[in-house]
Amino acid sequence: NGVIKEVTINADTTCGNDWVCEHRWRQIRNMVAFRNVANGQPFANWW
């Protein structure tokens, strides 16, 4: 009825209540960490 639902967290760390939470997808969360680790490093070894 117009009141935003809370963001619930499932046992597998994904979100419930129709919240998608892409930032919690393992592939995306782990690439955020990748960017932090690689910060300041040059683009290299293209294939």
All heavy atoms as atom14 arrays in JSON, in Angstrom:
{
  "sequence": "NGVIKEVTINADTTCGNDWVCEHRWRQIRNMVAFRNVANGQPFANWW",
  "atom14_mask": [
    [1, 1, 1, 1, 1, 1, 1, 1, 0, 0, 0, 0, 0, 0],
    [1, 1, 1, 1, 0, 0, 0, 0, 0, 0, 0, 0, 0, 0],
    [1, 1, 1, 1, 1, 1, 1, 0, 0, 0, 0, 0, 0, 0],
    [1, 1, 1, 1, 1, 1, 1, 1, 0, 0, 0, 0, 0, 0],
    [1, 1, 1, 1, 1, 1, 1, 1, 1, 0, 0, 0, 0, 0],
    [1, 1, 1, 1, 1, 1, 1, 1, 1, 0, 0, 0, 0, 0],
    [1, 1, 1, 1, 1, 1, 1, 0, 0, 0, 0, 0, 0, 0],
    [1, 1, 1, 1, 1, 1, 1, 0, 0, 0, 0, 0, 0, 0],
    [1, 1, 1, 1, 1, 1, 1, 1, 0, 0, 0, 0, 0, 0],
    [1, 1, 1, 1, 1, 1, 1, 1, 0, 0, 0, 0, 0, 0],
    [1, 1, 1, 1, 1, 0, 0, 0, 0, 0, 0, 0, 0, 0],
    [1, 1, 1, 1, 1, 1, 1, 1, 0, 0, 0, 0, 0, 0],
    [1, 1, 1, 1, 1, 1, 1, 0, 0, 0, 0, 0, 0, 0],
    [1, 1, 1, 1, 1, 1, 1, 0, 0, 0, 0, 0, 0, 0],
    [1, 1, 1, 1, 1, 1, 0, 0, 0, 0, 0, 0, 0, 0],
    [1, 1, 1, 1, 0, 0, 0, 0, 0, 0, 0, 0, 0, 0],
    [1, 1, 1, 1, 1, 1, 1, 1, 0, 0, 0, 0, 0, 0],
    [1, 1, 1, 1, 1, 1, 1, 1, 0, 0, 0, 0, 0, 0],
    [1, 1, 1, 1, 1, 1, 1, 1, 1, 1, 1, 1, 1, 1],
    [1, 1, 1, 1, 1, 1, 1, 0, 0, 0, 0, 0, 0, 0],
    [1, 1, 1, 1, 1, 1, 0, 0, 0, 0, 0, 0, 0, 0],
    [1, 1, 1, 1, 1, 1, 1, 1, 1, 0, 0, 0, 0, 0],
    [1, 1, 1, 1, 1, 1, 1, 1, 1, 1, 0, 0, 0, 0],
    [1, 1, 1, 1, 1, 1, 1, 1, 1, 1, 1, 0, 0, 0],
    [1, 1, 1, 1, 1, 1, 1, 1, 1, 1, 1, 1, 1, 1],
    [1, 1, 1, 1, 1, 1, 1, 1, 1, 1, 1, 0, 0, 0],
    [1, 1, 1, 1, 1, 1, 1, 1, 1, 0, 0, 0, 0, 0],
    [1, 1, 1, 1, 1, 1, 1, 1, 0, 0, 0, 0, 0, 0],
    [1, 1, 1, 1, 1, 1, 1, 1, 1, 1, 1, 0, 0, 0],
    [1, 1, 1, 1, 1, 1, 1, 1, 0, 0, 0, 0, 0, 0],
    [1, 1, 1, 1, 1, 1, 1, 1, 0, 0, 0, 0, 0, 0],
    [1, 1, 1, 1, 1, 1, 1, 0, 0, 0, 0, 0, 0, 0],
    [1, 1, 1, 1, 1, 0, 0, 0, 0, 0, 0, 0, 0, 0],
    [1, 1, 1, 1, 1, 1, 1, 1, 1, 1, 1, 0, 0, 0],
    [1, 1, 1, 1, 1, 1, 1, 1, 1, 1, 1, 0, 0, 0],
    [1, 1, 1, 1, 1, 1, 1, 1, 0, 0, 0, 0, 0, 0],
    [1, 1, 1, 1, 1, 1, 1, 0, 0, 0, 0, 0, 0, 0],
    [1, 1, 1, 1, 1, 0, 0, 0, 0, 0, 0, 0, 0, 0],
    [1, 1, 1, 1, 1, 1, 1, 1, 0, 0, 0, 0, 0, 0],
    [1, 1, 1, 1, 0, 0, 0, 0, 0, 0, 0, 0, 0, 0],
    [1, 1, 1, 1, 1, 1, 1, 1, 1, 0, 0, 0, 0, 0],
    [1, 1, 1, 1, 1, 1, 1, 0, 0, 0, 0, 0, 0, 0],
    [1, 1, 1, 1, 1, 1, 1, 1, 1, 1, 1, 0, 0, 0],
    [1, 1, 1, 1, 1, 0, 0, 0, 0, 0, 0, 0, 0, 0],
    [1, 1, 1, 1, 1, 1, 1, 1, 0, 0, 0, 0, 0, 0],
    [1, 1, 1, 1, 1, 1, 1, 1, 1, 1, 1, 1, 1, 1],
    [1, 1, 1, 1, 1, 1, 1, 1, 1, 1, 1, 1, 1, 1]
  ],
  "atom14_positions": [
    [[0.82, -1.22, 0.0], [0.0, 0.0, 0.0], [0.85, 1.27, 0.0], [0.6, 2.2, 0.77], [-0.95, 0.01, 1.2], [-1.92, -1.16, 1.15], [-2.42, -1.49, 0.07], [-2.17, -1.78, 2.28], [0.0, 0.0, 0.0], [0.0, 0.0, 0.0], [0.0, 0.0, 0.0], [0.0, 0.0, 0.0], [0.0, 0.0, 0.0], [0.0, 0.0, 0.0]],
    [[1.88, 1.27, -0.84], [2.71, 2.47, -0.98], [3.88, 2.55, -0.02], [4.75, 3.39, -0.17], [0.0, 0.0, 0.0], [0.0, 0.0, 0.0], [0.0, 0.0, 0.0], [0.0, 0.0, 0.0], [0.0, 0.0, 0.0], [0.0, 0.0, 0.0], [0.0, 0.0, 0.0], [0.0, 0.0, 0.0], [0.0, 0.0, 0.0], [0.0, 0.0, 0.0]],
    [[3.91, 1.66, 0.99], [5.03, 1.65, 1.95], [6.1, 0.68, 1.42], [5.83, -0.5, 1.23], [4.56, 1.2, 3.35], [5.73, 1.13, 4.32], [3.47, 2.14, 3.87], [0.0, 0.0, 0.0], [0.0, 0.0, 0.0], [0.0, 0.0, 0.0], [0.0, 0.0, 0.0], [0.0, 0.0, 0.0], [0.0, 0.0, 0.0], [0.0, 0.0, 0.0]],
    [[7.3, 1.22, 1.17], [8.37, 0.38, 0.58], [8.66, -0.81, 1.48], [8.81, -0.67, 2.7], [9.65, 1.21, 0.36], [9.4, 2.33, -0.67], [10.8, 0.32, -0.12], [10.61, 3.19, -0.97], [0.0, 0.0, 0.0], [0.0, 0.0, 0.0], [0.0, 0.0, 0.0], [0.0, 0.0, 0.0], [0.0, 0.0, 0.0], [0.0, 0.0, 0.0]],
    [[8.75, -1.99, 0.86], [9.07, -3.22, 1.61], [10.53, -3.22, 2.03], [11.39, -2.72, 1.3], [8.81, -4.45, 0.75], [7.35, -4.79, 0.53], [7.24, -6.1, -0.25], [5.8, -6.47, -0.53], [5.7, -7.69, -1.37], [0.0, 0.0, 0.0], [0.0, 0.0, 0.0], [0.0, 0.0, 0.0], [0.0, 0.0, 0.0], [0.0, 0.0, 0.0]],
    [[10.82, -3.83, 3.16], [12.21, -3.93, 3.59], [12.97, -4.87, 2.66], [12.37, -5.73, 2.01], [12.31, -4.38, 5.05], [12.23, -5.87, 5.27], [12.54, -6.27, 6.72], [13.69, -6.15, 7.15], [11.6, -6.72, 7.39], [0.0, 0.0, 0.0], [0.0, 0.0, 0.0], [0.0, 0.0, 0.0], [0.0, 0.0, 0.0], [0.0, 0.0, 0.0]],
    [[14.28, -4.66, 2.58], [15.13, -5.56, 1.8], [15.5, -6.73, 2.69], [16.28, -6.58, 3.63], [16.4, -4.83, 1.32], [17.29, -5.78, 0.52], [16.02, -3.61, 0.47], [0.0, 0.0, 0.0], [0.0, 0.0, 0.0], [0.0, 0.0, 0.0], [0.0, 0.0, 0.0], [0.0, 0.0, 0.0], [0.0, 0.0, 0.0], [0.0, 0.0, 0.0]],
    [[14.88, -7.88, 2.43], [15.18, -9.07, 3.25], [16.34, -9.84, 2.61], [16.54, -9.78, 1.4], [13.95, -9.98, 3.37], [13.47, -10.28, 2.04], [12.84, -9.32, 4.16], [0.0, 0.0, 0.0], [0.0, 0.0, 0.0], [0.0, 0.0, 0.0], [0.0, 0.0, 0.0], [0.0, 0.0, 0.0], [0.0, 0.0, 0.0], [0.0, 0.0, 0.0]],
    [[17.12, -10.54, 3.44], [18.29, -11.28, 2.96], [18.04, -12.78, 3.14], [17.75, -13.25, 4.24], [19.57, -10.86, 3.71], [19.74, -9.33, 3.69], [20.79, -11.56, 3.12], [19.87, -8.7, 2.32], [0.0, 0.0, 0.0], [0.0, 0.0, 0.0], [0.0, 0.0, 0.0], [0.0, 0.0, 0.0], [0.0, 0.0, 0.0], [0.0, 0.0, 0.0]],
    [[18.15, -13.52, 2.03], [17.96, -14.98, 2.05], [19.19, -15.68, 2.62], [20.26, -15.09, 2.73], [17.67, -15.49, 0.63], [16.46, -14.82, 0.01], [15.47, -14.57, 0.69], [16.53, -14.52, -1.27], [0.0, 0.0, 0.0], [0.0, 0.0, 0.0], [0.0, 0.0, 0.0], [0.0, 0.0, 0.0], [0.0, 0.0, 0.0], [0.0, 0.0, 0.0]],
    [[19.01, -16.96, 2.93], [20.11, -17.76, 3.5], [21.34, -17.77, 2.58], [22.47, -17.83, 3.06], [19.63, -19.18, 3.77], [0.0, 0.0, 0.0], [0.0, 0.0, 0.0], [0.0, 0.0, 0.0], [0.0, 0.0, 0.0], [0.0, 0.0, 0.0], [0.0, 0.0, 0.0], [0.0, 0.0, 0.0], [0.0, 0.0, 0.0], [0.0, 0.0, 0.0]],
    [[21.13, -17.71, 1.25], [22.26, -17.76, 0.3], [22.83, -16.36, 0.02], [23.59, -16.18, -0.93], [21.85, -18.44, -1.0], [20.77, -17.66, -1.76], [20.3, -16.62, -1.24], [20.4, -18.1, -2.86], [0.0, 0.0, 0.0], [0.0, 0.0, 0.0], [0.0, 0.0, 0.0], [0.0, 0.0, 0.0], [0.0, 0.0, 0.0], [0.0, 0.0, 0.0]],
    [[22.46, -15.38, 0.84], [22.91, -13.96, 0.78], [22.29, -13.16, -0.36], [22.61, -11.98, -0.52], [24.46, -13.78, 0.74], [24.94, -14.07, -0.56], [25.15, -14.65, 1.79], [0.0, 0.0, 0.0], [0.0, 0.0, 0.0], [0.0, 0.0, 0.0], [0.0, 0.0, 0.0], [0.0, 0.0, 0.0], [0.0, 0.0, 0.0], [0.0, 0.0, 0.0]],
    [[21.39, -13.75, -1.16], [20.65, -12.96, -2.14], [19.51, -12.25, -1.42], [19.28, -12.47, -0.23], [20.07, -13.86, -3.26], [19.18, -14.81, -2.66], [21.17, -14.57, -4.04], [0.0, 0.0, 0.0], [0.0, 0.0, 0.0], [0.0, 0.0, 0.0], [0.0, 0.0, 0.0], [0.0, 0.0, 0.0], [0.0, 0.0, 0.0], [0.0, 0.0, 0.0]],
    [[18.79, -11.39, -2.14], [17.72, -10.61, -1.52], [16.34, -11.17, -1.83], [16.13, -11.76, -2.89], [17.8, -9.16, -1.99], [19.31, -8.33, -1.48], [0.0, 0.0, 0.0], [0.0, 0.0, 0.0], [0.0, 0.0, 0.0], [0.0, 0.0, 0.0], [0.0, 0.0, 0.0], [0.0, 0.0, 0.0], [0.0, 0.0, 0.0], [0.0, 0.0, 0.0]],
    [[15.41, -10.93, -0.9], [14.01, -11.33, -1.1], [13.13, -10.12, -1.33], [13.61, -9.01, -1.58], [0.0, 0.0, 0.0], [0.0, 0.0, 0.0], [0.0, 0.0, 0.0], [0.0, 0.0, 0.0], [0.0, 0.0, 0.0], [0.0, 0.0, 0.0], [0.0, 0.0, 0.0], [0.0, 0.0, 0.0], [0.0, 0.0, 0.0], [0.0, 0.0, 0.0]],
    [[11.82, -10.32, -1.27], [10.84, -9.23, -1.43], [10.94, -8.53, -2.79], [10.66, -7.34, -2.89], [10.98, -8.19, -0.31], [10.06, -8.49, 0.87], [9.16, -9.31, 0.77], [10.29, -7.82, 1.98], [0.0, 0.0, 0.0], [0.0, 0.0, 0.0], [0.0, 0.0, 0.0], [0.0, 0.0, 0.0], [0.0, 0.0, 0.0], [0.0, 0.0, 0.0]],
    [[11.37, -9.27, -3.83], [11.49, -8.72, -5.19], [12.63, -7.71, -5.38], [12.7, -7.03, -6.39], [10.17, -8.11, -5.69], [9.23, -9.17, -6.24], [9.73, -10.2, -6.74], [8.0, -8.97, -6.17], [0.0, 0.0, 0.0], [0.0, 0.0, 0.0], [0.0, 0.0, 0.0], [0.0, 0.0, 0.0], [0.0, 0.0, 0.0], [0.0, 0.0, 0.0]],
    [[13.53, -7.62, -4.38], [14.74, -6.83, -4.58], [15.77, -7.7, -5.3], [16.05, -8.82, -4.87], [15.29, -6.34, -3.24], [14.32, -5.44, -2.53], [13.44, -5.78, -1.54], [14.1, -4.04, -2.78], [12.7, -4.69, -1.15], [13.08, -3.6, -1.89], [14.67, -3.11, -3.66], [12.62, -2.28, -1.86], [14.22, -1.8, -3.63], [13.21, -1.4, -2.74]],
    [[16.36, -7.19, -6.38], [17.28, -8.0, -7.21], [18.69, -8.05, -6.6], [19.32, -9.09, -6.58], [17.35, -7.46, -8.65], [18.31, -8.3, -9.5], [15.96, -7.44, -9.28], [0.0, 0.0, 0.0], [0.0, 0.0, 0.0], [0.0, 0.0, 0.0], [0.0, 0.0, 0.0], [0.0, 0.0, 0.0], [0.0, 0.0, 0.0], [0.0, 0.0, 0.0]],
    [[19.16, -6.9, -6.11], [20.47, -6.84, -5.45], [21.6, -7.42, -6.29], [22.36, -8.29, -5.84], [20.42, -7.54, -4.1], [19.3, -6.77, -2.91], [0.0, 0.0, 0.0], [0.0, 0.0, 0.0], [0.0, 0.0, 0.0], [0.0, 0.0, 0.0], [0.0, 0.0, 0.0], [0.0, 0.0, 0.0], [0.0, 0.0, 0.0], [0.0, 0.0, 0.0]],
    [[21.76, -6.92, -7.53], [22.86, -7.39, -8.38], [24.21, -7.24, -7.69], [25.13, -8.02, -7.95], [22.92, -6.59, -9.69], [21.69, -6.72, -10.57], [20.69, -5.59, -10.37], [20.42, -5.25, -9.2], [20.19, -5.05, -11.37], [0.0, 0.0, 0.0], [0.0, 0.0, 0.0], [0.0, 0.0, 0.0], [0.0, 0.0, 0.0], [0.0, 0.0, 0.0]],
    [[24.34, -6.24, -6.82], [25.63, -6.0, -6.15], [26.0, -7.15, -5.22], [27.15, -7.27, -4.81], [25.59, -4.68, -5.37], [24.69, -4.7, -4.18], [23.32, -4.64, -4.29], [24.95, -4.8, -2.84], [22.78, -4.69, -3.07], [23.75, -4.78, -2.17], [0.0, 0.0, 0.0], [0.0, 0.0, 0.0], [0.0, 0.0, 0.0], [0.0, 0.0, 0.0]],
    [[25.01, -8.0, -4.88], [25.28, -9.17, -4.03], [25.55, -10.43, -4.85], [25.88, -11.46, -4.27], [24.11, -9.41, -3.08], [24.11, -8.51, -1.85], [22.87, -8.75, -1.0], [23.01, -8.13, 0.32], [23.36, -8.77, 1.43], [23.62, -10.08, 1.38], [23.45, -8.14, 2.57], [0.0, 0.0, 0.0], [0.0, 0.0, 0.0], [0.0, 0.0, 0.0]],
    [[25.39, -10.37, -6.17], [25.72, -11.54, -6.98], [27.22, -11.79, -6.85], [28.02, -10.85, -6.97], [25.35, -11.31, -8.44], [23.88, -11.16, -8.71], [22.86, -11.17, -7.81], [23.27, -10.94, -10.0], [21.65, -10.99, -8.45], [21.87, -10.85, -9.79], [23.77, -10.83, -11.3], [20.98, -10.64, -10.84], [22.89, -10.62, -12.35], [21.5, -10.53, -12.12]],
    [[27.6, -13.04, -6.62], [29.02, -13.35, -6.39], [29.91, -12.77, -7.5], [30.97, -12.19, -7.23], [29.22, -14.87, -6.32], [30.67, -15.29, -6.12], [30.86, -16.8, -6.21], [30.6, -17.28, -7.57], [29.57, -18.09, -7.91], [28.72, -18.51, -6.98], [29.39, -18.46, -9.16], [0.0, 0.0, 0.0], [0.0, 0.0, 0.0], [0.0, 0.0, 0.0]],
    [[29.49, -12.94, -8.75], [30.31, -12.53, -9.89], [30.56, -11.02, -9.87], [31.65, -10.56, -10.22], [29.63, -12.93, -11.2], [29.34, -14.42, -11.33], [28.03, -14.86, -10.66], [27.43, -14.15, -9.86], [27.59, -16.07, -10.99], [0.0, 0.0, 0.0], [0.0, 0.0, 0.0], [0.0, 0.0, 0.0], [0.0, 0.0, 0.0], [0.0, 0.0, 0.0]],
    [[29.55, -10.25, -9.45], [29.68, -8.79, -9.44], [30.43, -8.32, -8.2], [31.37, -7.52, -8.28], [28.29, -8.13, -9.58], [27.75, -8.4, -11.01], [28.35, -6.64, -9.28], [26.34, -7.93, -11.26], [0.0, 0.0, 0.0], [0.0, 0.0, 0.0], [0.0, 0.0, 0.0], [0.0, 0.0, 0.0], [0.0, 0.0, 0.0], [0.0, 0.0, 0.0]],
    [[30.05, -8.85, -7.03], [30.73, -8.49, -5.78], [32.23, -8.79, -5.87], [33.07, -7.99, -5.43], [30.07, -9.27, -4.64], [30.84, -9.35, -3.35], [31.29, -10.76, -3.03], [30.19, -11.67, -2.79], [30.35, -13.0, -2.76], [31.55, -13.56, -2.95], [29.32, -13.79, -2.54], [0.0, 0.0, 0.0], [0.0, 0.0, 0.0], [0.0, 0.0, 0.0]],
    [[32.57, -9.95, -6.46], [33.99, -10.32, -6.55], [34.74, -9.48, -7.58], [35.96, -9.3, -7.46], [34.14, -11.81, -6.87], [33.92, -12.67, -5.62], [33.86, -12.16, -4.51], [33.78, -13.98, -5.81], [0.0, 0.0, 0.0], [0.0, 0.0, 0.0], [0.0, 0.0, 0.0], [0.0, 0.0, 0.0], [0.0, 0.0, 0.0], [0.0, 0.0, 0.0]],
    [[34.04, -8.95, -8.59], [34.71, -8.06, -9.55], [34.89, -6.66, -8.97], [35.81, -5.94, -9.37], [33.94, -8.03, -10.88], [34.14, -9.27, -11.73], [35.88, -9.72, -12.03], [36.46, -8.25, -12.89], [0.0, 0.0, 0.0], [0.0, 0.0, 0.0], [0.0, 0.0, 0.0], [0.0, 0.0, 0.0], [0.0, 0.0, 0.0], [0.0, 0.0, 0.0]],
    [[34.05, -6.27, -8.03], [34.29, -5.01, -7.3], [35.62, -5.14, -6.54], [36.46, -4.22, -6.56], [33.11, -4.7, -6.34], [33.48, -3.61, -5.33], [31.88, -4.28, -7.14], [0.0, 0.0, 0.0], [0.0, 0.0, 0.0], [0.0, 0.0, 0.0], [0.0, 0.0, 0.0], [0.0, 0.0, 0.0], [0.0, 0.0, 0.0], [0.0, 0.0, 0.0]],
    [[35.84, -6.3, -5.93], [37.11, -6.56, -5.24], [38.27, -6.57, -6.23], [39.36, -6.03, -5.94], [37.03, -7.87, -4.48], [0.0, 0.0, 0.0], [0.0, 0.0, 0.0], [0.0, 0.0, 0.0], [0.0, 0.0, 0.0], [0.0, 0.0, 0.0], [0.0, 0.0, 0.0], [0.0, 0.0, 0.0], [0.0, 0.0, 0.0], [0.0, 0.0, 0.0]],
    [[38.08, -7.2, -7.4], [39.11, -7.24, -8.45], [39.55, -5.81, -8.8], [40.74, -5.51, -8.88], [38.53, -7.93, -9.68], [39.46, -8.04, -10.88], [40.02, -9.26, -11.23], [39.74, -6.94, -11.69], [40.84, -9.38, -12.36], [40.57, -7.04, -12.8], [41.13, -8.26, -13.13], [0.0, 0.0, 0.0], [0.0, 0.0, 0.0], [0.0, 0.0, 0.0]],
    [[38.55, -4.92, -8.99], [38.89, -3.53, -9.36], [39.69, -2.85, -8.26], [40.62, -2.09, -8.53], [37.62, -2.74, -9.67], [37.91, -1.35, -10.26], [36.62, -0.63, -10.65], [36.9, 0.55, -11.5], [37.14, 0.5, -12.8], [37.15, -0.67, -13.43], [37.4, 1.6, -13.48], [0.0, 0.0, 0.0], [0.0, 0.0, 0.0], [0.0, 0.0, 0.0]],
    [[39.31, -3.12, -7.0], [40.06, -2.53, -5.88], [41.52, -3.0, -5.89], [42.44, -2.2, -5.68], [39.41, -2.92, -4.55], [38.06, -2.26, -4.33], [37.71, -1.29, -5.0], [37.27, -2.8, -3.4], [0.0, 0.0, 0.0], [0.0, 0.0, 0.0], [0.0, 0.0, 0.0], [0.0, 0.0, 0.0], [0.0, 0.0, 0.0], [0.0, 0.0, 0.0]],
    [[41.72, -4.29, -6.13], [43.08, -4.87, -6.13], [43.91, -4.32, -7.3], [45.09, -4.02, -7.16], [43.01, -6.41, -6.2], [44.39, -7.02, -6.43], [42.39, -6.98, -4.92], [0.0, 0.0, 0.0], [0.0, 0.0, 0.0], [0.0, 0.0, 0.0], [0.0, 0.0, 0.0], [0.0, 0.0, 0.0], [0.0, 0.0, 0.0], [0.0, 0.0, 0.0]],
    [[43.25, -4.14, -8.46], [43.96, -3.73, -9.67], [44.08, -2.22, -9.82], [44.69, -1.73, -10.78], [43.24, -4.3, -10.89], [0.0, 0.0, 0.0], [0.0, 0.0, 0.0], [0.0, 0.0, 0.0], [0.0, 0.0, 0.0], [0.0, 0.0, 0.0], [0.0, 0.0, 0.0], [0.0, 0.0, 0.0], [0.0, 0.0, 0.0], [0.0, 0.0, 0.0]],
    [[43.53, -1.47, -8.89], [43.51, -0.01, -9.0], [44.9, 0.57, -9.25], [45.86, 0.2, -8.56], [42.92, 0.6, -7.71], [42.69, 2.09, -7.84], [42.37, 2.58, -8.93], [42.84, 2.82, -6.76], [0.0, 0.0, 0.0], [0.0, 0.0, 0.0], [0.0, 0.0, 0.0], [0.0, 0.0, 0.0], [0.0, 0.0, 0.0], [0.0, 0.0, 0.0]],
    [[45.01, 1.44, -10.24], [46.29, 2.09, -10.55], [47.19, 1.26, -11.46], [48.23, 1.76, -11.91], [0.0, 0.0, 0.0], [0.0, 0.0, 0.0], [0.0, 0.0, 0.0], [0.0, 0.0, 0.0], [0.0, 0.0, 0.0], [0.0, 0.0, 0.0], [0.0, 0.0, 0.0], [0.0, 0.0, 0.0], [0.0, 0.0, 0.0], [0.0, 0.0, 0.0]],
    [[46.81, 0.02, -11.75], [47.63, -0.85, -12.6], [47.27, -0.63, -14.08], [46.11, -0.43, -14.42], [47.39, -2.32, -12.25], [47.88, -2.7, -10.86], [49.39, -2.74, -10.8], [50.06, -3.29, -11.67], [49.95, -2.14, -9.76], [0.0, 0.0, 0.0], [0.0, 0.0, 0.0], [0.0, 0.0, 0.0], [0.0, 0.0, 0.0], [0.0, 0.0, 0.0]],
    [[48.27, -0.7, -14.96], [48.0, -0.44, -16.38], [47.23, -1.58, -17.07], [47.29, -2.74, -16.64], [49.4, -0.32, -16.98], [50.28, -1.13, -16.09], [49.7, -0.97, -14.7], [0.0, 0.0, 0.0], [0.0, 0.0, 0.0], [0.0, 0.0, 0.0], [0.0, 0.0, 0.0], [0.0, 0.0, 0.0], [0.0, 0.0, 0.0], [0.0, 0.0, 0.0]],
    [[46.5, -1.24, -18.11], [45.85, -2.19, -19.0], [46.97, -2.94, -19.73], [47.87, -2.33, -20.3], [44.99, -1.39, -19.99], [44.23, -2.19, -20.98], [43.1, -2.88, -20.6], [44.6, -2.21, -22.32], [42.35, -3.61, -21.52], [43.87, -2.93, -23.25], [42.75, -3.63, -22.85], [0.0, 0.0, 0.0], [0.0, 0.0, 0.0], [0.0, 0.0, 0.0]],
    [[46.96, -4.28, -19.69], [48.12, -5.05, -20.19], [47.71, -6.41, -20.73], [46.6, -6.89, -20.48], [49.12, -5.24, -19.04], [0.0, 0.0, 0.0], [0.0, 0.0, 0.0], [0.0, 0.0, 0.0], [0.0, 0.0, 0.0], [0.0, 0.0, 0.0], [0.0, 0.0, 0.0], [0.0, 0.0, 0.0], [0.0, 0.0, 0.0], [0.0, 0.0, 0.0]],
    [[48.67, -7.04, -21.49], [48.54, -8.44, -21.93], [47.21, -8.75, -22.62], [46.58, -9.77, -22.37], [48.74, -9.39, -20.73], [50.16, -9.33, -20.19], [51.12, -9.5, -20.95], [50.29, -9.06, -18.9], [0.0, 0.0, 0.0], [0.0, 0.0, 0.0], [0.0, 0.0, 0.0], [0.0, 0.0, 0.0], [0.0, 0.0, 0.0], [0.0, 0.0, 0.0]],
    [[46.82, -7.85, -23.53], [45.6, -8.09, -24.31], [45.8, -9.31, -25.22], [46.85, -9.49, -25.84], [45.25, -6.87, -25.16], [44.08, -7.13, -26.09], [44.13, -7.59, -27.38], [42.69, -6.96, -25.8], [42.86, -7.71, -27.9], [41.96, -7.33, -26.95], [41.99, -6.52, -24.67], [40.56, -7.28, -27.02], [40.59, -6.46, -24.74], [39.9, -6.85, -25.9]],
    [[44.78, -10.14, -25.31], [44.74, -11.25, -26.27], [43.33, -11.34, -26.83], [42.35, -11.09, -26.1], [45.1, -12.58, -25.57], [44.82, -13.77, -26.46], [45.65, -14.32, -27.4], [43.61, -14.54, -26.5], [45.03, -15.38, -28.03], [43.77, -15.54, -27.5], [42.39, -14.48, -25.81], [42.77, -16.46, -27.81], [41.4, -15.39, -26.12], [41.59, -16.38, -27.11]]
  ]
}
